[in-house]
């Protein structure tokens, strides 16, 4: 059974997301919440009206399981609501993994979490994405706001033929010529030449001078 904007207006305004979930248990609560915000609906239900039983469950499980782990135990609450409540209760997820390197690709699940709470404070987003640094979360949020998908060109490994071309041609041709020939950046050609201990030699006033490759 699908819901309409009229259903959402009546239920969300009067009873918040909990009322929507009770009326449409099979619907996606995050989708309903996003739609309500898009339509400008404001719930009259105070979000902090948590029951003692819910708070007790949070105190018992949140620090061990985090928001995603507690979510199945609180089906009427969204991950965002659970994270907010954890902040009010001063709870931290001690089982959060070590910080993920900033170059790690963003998963579809992580992207959906940010999309659902893109206007939330950075601290709230970080609580929903354990293991991600503040810098990477902020950057991904800005990309999503601008409608930019994460892209990272794959690095083509150096072949034996590439290395042979560099050894034979780099000393006379230099990085700019080889960059065009091999379809690489000038910086990557310089780094590879340095790894191969090959140097570019230029002639100044009849005297050969070796140009040292700077490593970055």
N, C-alpha and C. Protein backbone atom coordinates (compact mmCIF):
# COMPACT_ATOMS: atom_id res chain seq x y z
N UNK A 1 0.86 -1.19 0.00
CA UNK A 1 0.00 0.00 0.00
C UNK A 1 0.89 1.24 0.00
N UNK A 2 0.75 2.08 -1.01
CA UNK A 2 1.59 3.26 -1.12
C UNK A 2 0.92 4.46 -0.47
N UNK A 3 1.73 5.43 -0.10
CA UNK A 3 1.22 6.62 0.56
C UNK A 3 1.26 7.80 -0.41
N UNK A 4 0.43 8.80 -0.12
CA UNK A 4 0.37 10.00 -0.95
C UNK A 4 0.84 11.21 -0.14
N UNK A 5 1.01 12.33 -0.81
CA UNK A 5 1.40 13.56 -0.12
C UNK A 5 0.35 13.99 0.89
N UNK A 6 -0.93 13.73 0.58
CA UNK A 6 -2.00 14.08 1.52
C UNK A 6 -1.91 13.22 2.78
N UNK A 7 -1.62 11.91 2.58
CA UNK A 7 -1.42 11.03 3.73
C UNK A 7 -0.26 11.53 4.58
N UNK A 8 0.82 11.88 3.91
CA UNK A 8 2.01 12.34 4.61
C UNK A 8 1.73 13.62 5.39
N UNK A 9 1.00 14.55 4.77
CA UNK A 9 0.69 15.81 5.44
C UNK A 9 -0.10 15.57 6.72
N UNK A 10 -1.13 14.73 6.63
CA UNK A 10 -1.99 14.48 7.78
C UNK A 10 -1.24 13.75 8.89
N UNK A 11 -0.51 12.72 8.52
CA UNK A 11 0.15 11.89 9.53
C UNK A 11 1.40 12.57 10.10
N UNK A 12 2.22 13.14 9.22
CA UNK A 12 3.50 13.69 9.67
C UNK A 12 3.31 14.92 10.55
N UNK A 13 2.39 15.78 10.16
CA UNK A 13 2.17 17.01 10.93
C UNK A 13 1.63 16.69 12.31
N UNK A 14 0.73 15.72 12.40
CA UNK A 14 0.10 15.42 13.69
C UNK A 14 0.96 14.50 14.56
N UNK A 15 1.58 13.50 13.95
CA UNK A 15 2.27 12.51 14.77
C UNK A 15 3.71 12.26 14.45
N UNK A 16 4.26 13.02 13.49
CA UNK A 16 5.66 12.83 13.16
C UNK A 16 5.91 11.56 12.37
N UNK A 17 7.16 11.20 12.23
CA UNK A 17 7.53 10.03 11.44
C UNK A 17 7.00 8.74 12.04
N UNK A 18 6.87 8.71 13.37
CA UNK A 18 6.34 7.51 14.02
C UNK A 18 4.94 7.18 13.56
N UNK A 19 4.09 8.20 13.41
CA UNK A 19 2.72 7.98 12.94
C UNK A 19 2.72 7.49 11.50
N UNK A 20 3.63 8.01 10.68
CA UNK A 20 3.73 7.56 9.29
C UNK A 20 4.13 6.09 9.22
N UNK A 21 5.06 5.71 10.06
CA UNK A 21 5.51 4.31 10.06
C UNK A 21 4.44 3.37 10.54
N UNK A 22 3.66 3.83 11.52
CA UNK A 22 2.59 2.98 12.02
C UNK A 22 1.52 2.76 10.96
N UNK A 23 1.22 3.80 10.17
CA UNK A 23 0.19 3.69 9.14
C UNK A 23 0.68 2.93 7.91
N UNK A 24 1.99 3.08 7.61
CA UNK A 24 2.57 2.44 6.43
C UNK A 24 3.86 1.71 6.84
N UNK A 25 3.71 0.57 7.51
CA UNK A 25 4.90 -0.13 8.05
C UNK A 25 5.88 -0.62 6.99
N UNK A 26 5.40 -0.80 5.76
CA UNK A 26 6.28 -1.32 4.70
C UNK A 26 6.99 -0.20 3.93
N UNK A 27 6.63 1.04 4.21
CA UNK A 27 7.23 2.17 3.48
C UNK A 27 8.61 2.49 4.03
N UNK A 28 9.42 3.14 3.21
CA UNK A 28 10.76 3.56 3.61
C UNK A 28 10.65 4.84 4.46
N UNK A 29 10.99 4.79 5.75
CA UNK A 29 10.84 5.97 6.60
C UNK A 29 11.73 7.13 6.18
N UNK A 30 12.93 6.82 5.69
CA UNK A 30 13.82 7.89 5.26
C UNK A 30 13.25 8.61 4.04
N UNK A 31 12.63 7.87 3.13
CA UNK A 31 12.01 8.49 1.96
C UNK A 31 10.84 9.38 2.38
N UNK A 32 10.06 8.91 3.34
CA UNK A 32 8.93 9.70 3.82
C UNK A 32 9.41 10.97 4.51
N UNK A 33 10.49 10.84 5.28
CA UNK A 33 11.04 12.00 5.97
C UNK A 33 11.57 13.03 4.98
N UNK A 34 12.29 12.56 3.96
CA UNK A 34 12.83 13.48 2.94
C UNK A 34 11.70 14.19 2.19
N UNK A 35 10.65 13.43 1.87
CA UNK A 35 9.53 14.02 1.15
C UNK A 35 8.81 15.07 2.01
N UNK A 36 8.67 14.78 3.30
CA UNK A 36 8.01 15.73 4.19
C UNK A 36 8.80 17.04 4.28
N UNK A 37 10.13 16.93 4.37
CA UNK A 37 10.95 18.13 4.42
C UNK A 37 10.89 18.89 3.11
N UNK A 38 10.85 18.15 1.99
CA UNK A 38 10.79 18.79 0.68
C UNK A 38 9.49 19.58 0.53
N UNK A 39 8.40 19.03 1.06
CA UNK A 39 7.11 19.70 0.96
C UNK A 39 6.91 20.77 2.01
N UNK A 40 7.86 20.88 2.93
CA UNK A 40 7.79 21.93 3.94
C UNK A 40 6.91 21.58 5.12
N UNK A 41 6.64 20.28 5.33
CA UNK A 41 5.80 19.89 6.46
C UNK A 41 6.62 19.94 7.75
N UNK A 42 6.02 20.43 8.80
CA UNK A 42 6.66 20.47 10.11
C UNK A 42 5.83 19.65 11.09
N UNK A 43 6.48 18.77 11.80
CA UNK A 43 5.76 17.92 12.74
C UNK A 43 5.47 18.66 14.04
N UNK A 44 4.26 18.49 14.54
CA UNK A 44 3.90 19.06 15.83
C UNK A 44 4.42 18.21 16.98
N UNK A 45 4.83 17.02 16.63
CA UNK A 45 5.36 16.11 17.65
C UNK A 45 6.78 16.49 17.97
N UNK A 46 7.08 16.68 19.23
CA UNK A 46 8.43 17.04 19.65
C UNK A 46 9.35 15.84 19.48
N UNK A 47 10.41 16.03 18.72
CA UNK A 47 11.29 14.91 18.41
C UNK A 47 11.93 14.31 19.65
N UNK A 48 12.05 15.10 20.73
CA UNK A 48 12.72 14.60 21.94
C UNK A 48 11.80 13.77 22.82
N UNK A 49 10.54 13.53 22.39
CA UNK A 49 9.61 12.76 23.20
C UNK A 49 9.92 11.28 23.10
N UNK A 50 11.01 10.93 23.65
CA UNK A 50 11.42 9.53 23.69
C UNK A 50 10.89 8.91 24.98
N UNK A 51 10.54 7.64 24.90
CA UNK A 51 10.06 6.95 26.10
C UNK A 51 11.23 6.50 26.96
N UNK A 52 10.94 6.20 28.20
CA UNK A 52 11.99 5.72 29.10
C UNK A 52 12.54 4.39 28.60
N UNK A 53 11.66 3.58 28.01
CA UNK A 53 12.11 2.28 27.50
C UNK A 53 13.08 2.47 26.34
N UNK A 54 12.79 3.45 25.47
CA UNK A 54 13.70 3.72 24.34
C UNK A 54 15.04 4.24 24.83
N UNK A 55 15.01 5.14 25.82
CA UNK A 55 16.26 5.66 26.37
C UNK A 55 17.07 4.55 27.03
N UNK A 56 16.37 3.66 27.73
CA UNK A 56 17.06 2.55 28.38
C UNK A 56 17.73 1.65 27.35
N UNK A 57 17.04 1.43 26.24
CA UNK A 57 17.62 0.61 25.18
C UNK A 57 18.83 1.30 24.57
N UNK A 58 18.75 2.62 24.39
CA UNK A 58 19.88 3.39 23.87
C UNK A 58 21.08 3.28 24.81
N UNK A 59 20.84 3.46 26.10
CA UNK A 59 21.92 3.40 27.09
C UNK A 59 22.55 2.01 27.13
N UNK A 60 21.76 1.01 26.85
CA UNK A 60 22.26 -0.37 26.92
C UNK A 60 23.04 -0.79 25.69
N UNK A 61 22.62 -0.30 24.51
CA UNK A 61 23.18 -0.86 23.28
C UNK A 61 23.94 0.12 22.40
N UNK A 62 23.70 1.43 22.51
CA UNK A 62 24.26 2.35 21.51
C UNK A 62 25.79 2.35 21.49
N UNK A 63 26.41 2.40 22.64
CA UNK A 63 27.88 2.49 22.66
C UNK A 63 28.53 1.26 22.06
N UNK A 64 27.83 0.15 22.09
CA UNK A 64 28.38 -1.09 21.53
C UNK A 64 28.02 -1.26 20.06
N UNK A 65 26.78 -0.91 19.69
CA UNK A 65 26.29 -1.20 18.35
C UNK A 65 26.26 0.00 17.42
N UNK A 66 26.17 1.22 17.96
CA UNK A 66 26.04 2.40 17.12
C UNK A 66 24.63 2.55 16.58
N UNK A 67 24.41 3.60 15.78
CA UNK A 67 23.06 3.91 15.29
C UNK A 67 22.50 2.81 14.40
N UNK A 68 23.32 2.27 13.50
CA UNK A 68 22.85 1.24 12.59
C UNK A 68 22.49 -0.05 13.34
N UNK A 69 23.24 -0.35 14.38
CA UNK A 69 22.96 -1.57 15.13
C UNK A 69 21.72 -1.43 16.01
N UNK A 70 21.47 -0.22 16.49
CA UNK A 70 20.30 0.01 17.34
C UNK A 70 19.02 0.13 16.53
N UNK A 71 19.14 0.53 15.25
CA UNK A 71 17.97 0.77 14.42
C UNK A 71 16.99 -0.39 14.40
N UNK A 72 17.41 -1.67 14.25
CA UNK A 72 16.42 -2.76 14.25
C UNK A 72 15.67 -2.88 15.57
N UNK A 73 16.26 -2.43 16.67
CA UNK A 73 15.62 -2.50 17.97
C UNK A 73 14.65 -1.34 18.18
N UNK A 74 14.79 -0.30 17.35
CA UNK A 74 13.90 0.86 17.42
C UNK A 74 13.34 1.13 16.02
N UNK A 75 12.48 0.26 15.51
CA UNK A 75 12.02 0.38 14.12
C UNK A 75 11.25 1.67 13.83
N UNK A 76 10.69 2.30 14.85
CA UNK A 76 9.92 3.53 14.64
C UNK A 76 10.82 4.76 14.56
N UNK A 77 12.11 4.59 14.82
CA UNK A 77 13.06 5.71 14.81
C UNK A 77 14.00 5.59 13.62
N UNK A 78 14.30 6.71 13.01
CA UNK A 78 15.26 6.72 11.90
C UNK A 78 16.68 6.76 12.47
N UNK A 79 17.65 6.47 11.60
CA UNK A 79 19.05 6.53 12.03
C UNK A 79 19.41 7.94 12.47
N UNK A 80 18.85 8.93 11.77
CA UNK A 80 19.11 10.32 12.13
C UNK A 80 18.58 10.62 13.53
N UNK A 81 17.36 10.17 13.83
CA UNK A 81 16.78 10.40 15.15
C UNK A 81 17.57 9.70 16.24
N UNK A 82 18.04 8.51 15.95
CA UNK A 82 18.83 7.75 16.93
C UNK A 82 20.15 8.47 17.20
N UNK A 83 20.78 8.98 16.15
CA UNK A 83 22.04 9.70 16.32
C UNK A 83 21.84 10.97 17.13
N UNK A 84 20.76 11.69 16.86
CA UNK A 84 20.46 12.89 17.63
C UNK A 84 20.25 12.56 19.10
N UNK A 85 19.49 11.49 19.34
CA UNK A 85 19.21 11.12 20.73
C UNK A 85 20.48 10.70 21.45
N UNK A 86 21.37 10.04 20.73
CA UNK A 86 22.65 9.65 21.33
C UNK A 86 23.43 10.88 21.75
N UNK A 87 23.38 11.94 20.94
CA UNK A 87 24.05 13.19 21.31
C UNK A 87 23.46 13.80 22.55
N UNK A 88 22.13 13.77 22.67
CA UNK A 88 21.47 14.31 23.86
C UNK A 88 21.85 13.52 25.10
N UNK A 89 21.94 12.19 24.95
CA UNK A 89 22.29 11.32 26.06
C UNK A 89 23.80 11.24 26.29
N UNK A 90 24.57 11.95 25.46
CA UNK A 90 26.03 11.95 25.54
C UNK A 90 26.61 10.54 25.40
N UNK A 91 26.11 9.84 24.40
CA UNK A 91 26.58 8.49 24.12
C UNK A 91 27.49 8.50 22.91
N UNK A 92 28.52 7.68 22.93
CA UNK A 92 29.43 7.55 21.81
C UNK A 92 29.56 6.08 21.46
N UNK A 93 29.72 5.84 20.16
CA UNK A 93 29.88 4.47 19.69
C UNK A 93 31.34 4.07 19.80
N UNK A 94 31.66 3.33 20.86
CA UNK A 94 33.06 2.94 21.09
C UNK A 94 33.53 1.87 20.12
N UNK A 95 32.59 1.22 19.45
CA UNK A 95 32.97 0.16 18.51
C UNK A 95 33.17 0.68 17.11
N UNK A 96 33.16 2.01 16.95
CA UNK A 96 33.35 2.59 15.61
C UNK A 96 34.71 2.20 15.07
N UNK A 97 34.81 1.86 13.78
CA UNK A 97 36.10 1.47 13.20
C UNK A 97 37.06 2.64 13.13
N UNK A 98 38.32 2.31 12.92
CA UNK A 98 39.33 3.36 12.77
C UNK A 98 38.99 4.22 11.56
N UNK A 99 39.53 5.42 11.55
CA UNK A 99 39.20 6.36 10.48
C UNK A 99 39.53 5.78 9.11
N UNK A 100 38.56 5.86 8.21
CA UNK A 100 38.75 5.37 6.85
C UNK A 100 39.62 6.37 6.10
N UNK A 101 40.60 5.92 5.32
CA UNK A 101 41.41 6.86 4.55
C UNK A 101 40.52 7.74 3.67
N UNK A 102 40.89 9.00 3.52
CA UNK A 102 40.05 9.94 2.78
C UNK A 102 39.89 9.54 1.31
N UNK A 103 40.79 8.69 0.79
CA UNK A 103 40.68 8.29 -0.60
C UNK A 103 39.81 7.06 -0.79
N UNK A 104 39.27 6.47 0.31
CA UNK A 104 38.42 5.30 0.19
C UNK A 104 37.13 5.68 -0.53
N UNK A 105 36.68 4.89 -1.50
CA UNK A 105 35.47 5.23 -2.25
C UNK A 105 34.25 5.28 -1.33
N UNK A 106 33.34 6.17 -1.63
CA UNK A 106 32.09 6.26 -0.86
C UNK A 106 31.13 5.19 -1.34
N UNK A 107 30.52 4.48 -0.40
CA UNK A 107 29.56 3.44 -0.75
C UNK A 107 28.20 4.06 -1.03
N UNK A 108 27.34 3.30 -1.70
CA UNK A 108 25.98 3.78 -1.99
C UNK A 108 25.22 4.03 -0.69
N UNK A 109 25.44 3.17 0.30
CA UNK A 109 24.75 3.34 1.58
C UNK A 109 25.17 4.63 2.27
N UNK A 110 26.48 4.92 2.26
CA UNK A 110 26.95 6.16 2.88
C UNK A 110 26.39 7.39 2.16
N UNK A 111 26.34 7.32 0.84
CA UNK A 111 25.80 8.43 0.07
C UNK A 111 24.33 8.67 0.39
N UNK A 112 23.56 7.59 0.54
CA UNK A 112 22.15 7.72 0.88
C UNK A 112 21.96 8.35 2.25
N UNK A 113 22.83 8.01 3.19
CA UNK A 113 22.74 8.58 4.53
C UNK A 113 22.97 10.09 4.47
N UNK A 114 23.97 10.51 3.73
CA UNK A 114 24.26 11.95 3.63
C UNK A 114 23.13 12.67 2.90
N UNK A 115 22.61 12.06 1.84
CA UNK A 115 21.51 12.68 1.09
C UNK A 115 20.29 12.90 1.98
N UNK A 116 20.02 11.94 2.88
CA UNK A 116 18.85 12.05 3.75
C UNK A 116 19.03 13.11 4.83
N UNK A 117 20.27 13.45 5.14
CA UNK A 117 20.53 14.40 6.22
C UNK A 117 21.52 15.46 5.79
N UNK A 118 21.43 15.87 4.53
CA UNK A 118 22.44 16.77 3.95
C UNK A 118 22.46 18.14 4.64
N UNK A 119 21.34 18.56 5.23
CA UNK A 119 21.29 19.86 5.88
C UNK A 119 21.57 19.78 7.38
N UNK A 120 21.87 18.59 7.87
CA UNK A 120 22.17 18.44 9.28
C UNK A 120 23.58 18.94 9.60
N UNK A 121 23.84 19.28 10.87
CA UNK A 121 25.19 19.71 11.25
C UNK A 121 26.23 18.62 10.95
N UNK A 122 27.46 19.05 10.74
CA UNK A 122 28.52 18.10 10.40
C UNK A 122 28.71 17.07 11.51
N UNK A 123 28.57 17.49 12.76
CA UNK A 123 28.75 16.55 13.88
C UNK A 123 27.72 15.42 13.82
N UNK A 124 26.49 15.75 13.41
CA UNK A 124 25.45 14.73 13.30
C UNK A 124 25.78 13.75 12.18
N UNK A 125 26.24 14.27 11.06
CA UNK A 125 26.62 13.40 9.94
C UNK A 125 27.76 12.47 10.32
N UNK A 126 28.73 12.98 11.06
CA UNK A 126 29.87 12.15 11.46
C UNK A 126 29.42 11.03 12.38
N UNK A 127 28.42 11.30 13.22
CA UNK A 127 27.89 10.26 14.08
C UNK A 127 27.21 9.15 13.31
N UNK A 128 26.69 9.49 12.15
CA UNK A 128 26.02 8.51 11.29
C UNK A 128 26.99 7.77 10.39
N UNK A 129 28.22 8.29 10.29
CA UNK A 129 29.22 7.70 9.40
C UNK A 129 30.50 7.42 10.18
N UNK A 130 30.46 6.49 11.13
CA UNK A 130 31.65 6.20 11.92
C UNK A 130 32.81 5.73 11.05
N UNK A 131 33.98 6.27 11.33
CA UNK A 131 35.15 5.89 10.56
C UNK A 131 35.55 6.90 9.51
N UNK A 132 34.64 7.83 9.17
CA UNK A 132 34.96 8.88 8.21
C UNK A 132 35.42 10.13 8.95
N UNK A 133 36.41 10.81 8.40
CA UNK A 133 36.91 12.03 9.01
C UNK A 133 35.97 13.19 8.72
N UNK A 134 36.07 14.24 9.53
CA UNK A 134 35.23 15.42 9.34
C UNK A 134 35.49 16.05 7.97
N UNK A 135 36.76 16.06 7.55
CA UNK A 135 37.11 16.67 6.26
C UNK A 135 36.46 15.93 5.11
N UNK A 136 36.50 14.59 5.14
CA UNK A 136 35.95 13.82 4.03
C UNK A 136 34.43 13.89 4.00
N UNK A 137 33.80 13.89 5.19
CA UNK A 137 32.33 13.99 5.25
C UNK A 137 31.88 15.34 4.72
N UNK A 138 32.57 16.41 5.13
CA UNK A 138 32.20 17.75 4.68
C UNK A 138 32.36 17.87 3.16
N UNK A 139 33.44 17.29 2.63
CA UNK A 139 33.67 17.36 1.19
C UNK A 139 32.60 16.59 0.42
N UNK A 140 32.24 15.40 0.93
CA UNK A 140 31.22 14.60 0.24
C UNK A 140 29.85 15.29 0.32
N UNK A 141 29.56 15.92 1.45
CA UNK A 141 28.30 16.64 1.60
C UNK A 141 28.22 17.78 0.58
N UNK A 142 29.33 18.49 0.39
CA UNK A 142 29.34 19.59 -0.57
C UNK A 142 29.15 19.06 -2.00
N UNK A 143 29.74 17.90 -2.29
CA UNK A 143 29.56 17.30 -3.61
C UNK A 143 28.10 16.94 -3.86
N UNK A 144 27.46 16.38 -2.83
CA UNK A 144 26.06 15.98 -2.97
C UNK A 144 25.17 17.21 -3.13
N UNK A 145 25.48 18.27 -2.40
CA UNK A 145 24.70 19.50 -2.54
C UNK A 145 24.79 20.05 -3.96
N UNK A 146 25.94 19.89 -4.57
CA UNK A 146 26.14 20.39 -5.93
C UNK A 146 25.75 19.37 -7.00
N UNK A 147 25.33 18.20 -6.55
CA UNK A 147 24.93 17.16 -7.50
C UNK A 147 26.08 16.50 -8.20
N UNK A 148 27.24 16.44 -7.52
CA UNK A 148 28.44 15.86 -8.13
C UNK A 148 28.63 14.44 -7.59
N UNK A 149 28.83 13.50 -8.49
CA UNK A 149 29.11 12.12 -8.10
C UNK A 149 30.61 11.95 -7.90
N UNK A 150 31.00 11.13 -6.92
CA UNK A 150 32.43 10.93 -6.69
C UNK A 150 33.09 10.20 -7.85
N UNK A 151 34.13 10.78 -8.34
CA UNK A 151 34.85 10.15 -9.45
C UNK A 151 36.34 10.12 -9.13
N UNK A 152 36.97 9.08 -9.50
CA UNK A 152 38.42 8.97 -9.32
C UNK A 152 38.97 8.13 -10.46
N UNK A 153 39.69 8.76 -11.36
CA UNK A 153 40.21 7.99 -12.48
C UNK A 153 41.16 6.88 -12.00
N UNK A 154 40.99 5.73 -12.61
CA UNK A 154 41.85 4.60 -12.23
C UNK A 154 43.26 4.84 -12.73
N UNK A 155 44.21 4.49 -11.91
CA UNK A 155 45.61 4.67 -12.29
C UNK A 155 46.07 3.49 -13.13
N UNK A 156 46.55 3.79 -14.32
CA UNK A 156 47.02 2.73 -15.21
C UNK A 156 48.44 2.33 -14.78
N UNK A 157 48.64 1.06 -14.50
CA UNK A 157 49.98 0.63 -14.08
C UNK A 157 51.00 0.83 -15.19
N UNK A 158 52.23 1.04 -14.77
CA UNK A 158 53.31 1.21 -15.75
C UNK A 158 53.68 -0.15 -16.33
N UNK A 159 53.80 -0.18 -17.63
CA UNK A 159 54.18 -1.43 -18.31
C UNK A 159 55.69 -1.43 -18.57
N UNK A 160 56.18 -2.61 -18.92
CA UNK A 160 57.60 -2.72 -19.25
C UNK A 160 57.93 -1.88 -20.48
N UNK A 161 56.98 -1.78 -21.42
CA UNK A 161 57.21 -0.98 -22.62
C UNK A 161 57.30 0.51 -22.26
N UNK A 162 56.44 0.97 -21.33
CA UNK A 162 56.51 2.37 -20.88
C UNK A 162 57.87 2.66 -20.27
N UNK A 163 58.32 1.76 -19.41
CA UNK A 163 59.61 1.97 -18.75
C UNK A 163 60.74 2.01 -19.77
N UNK A 164 60.64 1.17 -20.79
CA UNK A 164 61.70 1.15 -21.81
C UNK A 164 61.73 2.47 -22.57
N UNK A 165 60.56 3.02 -22.89
CA UNK A 165 60.50 4.30 -23.59
C UNK A 165 61.11 5.40 -22.74
N UNK A 166 60.83 5.37 -21.45
CA UNK A 166 61.37 6.40 -20.56
C UNK A 166 62.89 6.29 -20.48
N UNK A 167 63.40 5.07 -20.37
CA UNK A 167 64.86 4.88 -20.28
C UNK A 167 65.56 5.38 -21.55
N UNK A 168 64.93 5.12 -22.71
CA UNK A 168 65.58 5.45 -23.97
C UNK A 168 65.41 6.92 -24.35
N UNK A 169 64.26 7.50 -24.05
CA UNK A 169 63.93 8.82 -24.59
C UNK A 169 63.97 9.95 -23.56
N UNK A 170 63.80 9.63 -22.29
CA UNK A 170 63.71 10.70 -21.29
C UNK A 170 64.97 11.57 -21.22
N UNK A 171 66.17 11.00 -21.26
CA UNK A 171 67.36 11.85 -21.15
C UNK A 171 67.44 12.94 -22.21
N UNK A 172 66.92 12.70 -23.41
CA UNK A 172 67.00 13.70 -24.47
C UNK A 172 65.68 14.46 -24.68
N UNK A 173 64.55 13.76 -24.52
CA UNK A 173 63.26 14.38 -24.83
C UNK A 173 62.65 15.12 -23.65
N UNK A 174 62.86 14.63 -22.46
CA UNK A 174 62.30 15.28 -21.29
C UNK A 174 60.86 14.85 -21.00
N UNK A 175 60.29 15.34 -19.90
CA UNK A 175 58.98 14.88 -19.45
C UNK A 175 57.81 15.35 -20.32
N UNK A 176 57.86 16.57 -20.86
CA UNK A 176 56.73 17.10 -21.63
C UNK A 176 56.46 16.27 -22.88
N UNK A 177 57.51 15.93 -23.59
CA UNK A 177 57.35 15.15 -24.83
C UNK A 177 56.82 13.76 -24.51
N UNK A 178 57.38 13.13 -23.48
CA UNK A 178 56.95 11.78 -23.14
C UNK A 178 55.54 11.76 -22.56
N UNK A 179 55.15 12.83 -21.88
CA UNK A 179 53.80 12.90 -21.34
C UNK A 179 52.77 12.82 -22.46
N UNK A 180 53.03 13.53 -23.55
CA UNK A 180 52.12 13.50 -24.70
C UNK A 180 52.17 12.15 -25.40
N UNK A 181 53.36 11.59 -25.49
CA UNK A 181 53.52 10.32 -26.18
C UNK A 181 52.86 9.16 -25.43
N UNK A 182 52.99 9.16 -24.11
CA UNK A 182 52.49 8.04 -23.30
C UNK A 182 51.10 8.30 -22.71
N UNK A 183 50.58 9.50 -22.93
CA UNK A 183 49.27 9.80 -22.38
C UNK A 183 49.27 9.91 -20.87
N UNK A 184 50.36 10.43 -20.32
CA UNK A 184 50.49 10.59 -18.87
C UNK A 184 50.69 12.07 -18.55
N UNK A 185 50.57 12.40 -17.28
CA UNK A 185 50.86 13.77 -16.88
C UNK A 185 52.36 13.97 -16.79
N UNK A 186 52.79 15.23 -16.90
CA UNK A 186 54.21 15.54 -16.79
C UNK A 186 54.73 15.11 -15.42
N UNK A 187 53.93 15.35 -14.37
CA UNK A 187 54.35 14.99 -13.02
C UNK A 187 54.56 13.48 -12.88
N UNK A 188 53.66 12.69 -13.46
CA UNK A 188 53.80 11.23 -13.35
C UNK A 188 55.03 10.75 -14.11
N UNK A 189 55.33 11.39 -15.26
CA UNK A 189 56.53 11.01 -16.02
C UNK A 189 57.78 11.31 -15.20
N UNK A 190 57.79 12.47 -14.56
CA UNK A 190 58.96 12.83 -13.74
C UNK A 190 59.15 11.85 -12.58
N UNK A 191 58.07 11.49 -11.94
CA UNK A 191 58.17 10.56 -10.81
C UNK A 191 58.66 9.20 -11.26
N UNK A 192 58.14 8.74 -12.40
CA UNK A 192 58.56 7.43 -12.89
C UNK A 192 60.02 7.45 -13.30
N UNK A 193 60.44 8.53 -13.92
CA UNK A 193 61.85 8.64 -14.31
C UNK A 193 62.75 8.62 -13.09
N UNK A 194 62.32 9.28 -12.02
CA UNK A 194 63.09 9.28 -10.79
C UNK A 194 63.17 7.87 -10.21
N UNK A 195 62.04 7.14 -10.26
CA UNK A 195 62.05 5.75 -9.76
C UNK A 195 63.02 4.89 -10.56
N UNK A 196 63.10 5.18 -11.88
CA UNK A 196 63.99 4.40 -12.75
C UNK A 196 65.41 4.95 -12.77
N UNK A 197 65.62 6.04 -12.00
CA UNK A 197 66.95 6.68 -11.92
C UNK A 197 67.42 7.14 -13.30
N UNK A 198 66.49 7.73 -14.06
CA UNK A 198 66.79 8.29 -15.37
C UNK A 198 66.70 9.80 -15.26
N UNK A 199 67.64 10.50 -15.88
CA UNK A 199 67.71 11.95 -15.75
C UNK A 199 67.62 12.63 -17.11
N UNK A 200 67.02 13.80 -17.10
CA UNK A 200 66.86 14.61 -18.31
C UNK A 200 68.09 15.51 -18.47
N UNK A 201 68.70 15.47 -19.64
CA UNK A 201 69.91 16.26 -19.91
C UNK A 201 69.63 17.31 -20.96
N UNK A 202 69.91 18.55 -20.63
CA UNK A 202 69.73 19.64 -21.59
C UNK A 202 71.10 20.23 -21.92
N UNK A 203 71.17 20.90 -23.08
CA UNK A 203 72.42 21.50 -23.52
C UNK A 203 72.29 23.00 -23.42
N UNK A 204 73.15 23.61 -22.59
CA UNK A 204 73.16 25.06 -22.40
C UNK A 204 74.52 25.60 -22.83
N UNK A 205 74.47 26.42 -23.90
CA UNK A 205 75.70 27.03 -24.41
C UNK A 205 76.77 25.98 -24.71
N UNK A 206 76.32 24.90 -25.32
CA UNK A 206 77.25 23.87 -25.74
C UNK A 206 77.67 22.92 -24.64
N UNK A 207 77.15 23.10 -23.45
CA UNK A 207 77.52 22.23 -22.34
C UNK A 207 76.29 21.47 -21.87
N UNK A 208 76.46 20.18 -21.66
CA UNK A 208 75.35 19.34 -21.20
C UNK A 208 75.16 19.54 -19.70
N UNK A 209 73.93 19.65 -19.32
CA UNK A 209 73.60 19.81 -17.90
C UNK A 209 72.44 18.89 -17.55
N UNK A 210 72.61 18.12 -16.50
CA UNK A 210 71.58 17.18 -16.09
C UNK A 210 70.56 17.90 -15.22
N UNK A 211 69.28 17.71 -15.55
CA UNK A 211 68.20 18.30 -14.77
C UNK A 211 67.73 17.29 -13.75
N UNK A 212 67.85 17.64 -12.50
CA UNK A 212 67.45 16.72 -11.44
C UNK A 212 65.95 16.69 -11.32
N UNK A 213 65.41 15.51 -11.14
CA UNK A 213 63.96 15.36 -10.96
C UNK A 213 63.63 15.53 -9.49
N UNK A 214 62.70 16.45 -9.24
CA UNK A 214 62.27 16.69 -7.86
C UNK A 214 61.14 15.76 -7.49
N UNK A 215 61.28 15.07 -6.41
CA UNK A 215 60.22 14.18 -5.93
C UNK A 215 59.29 14.98 -5.03
N UNK A 216 57.99 14.71 -5.18
CA UNK A 216 57.00 15.42 -4.37
C UNK A 216 56.32 14.47 -3.43
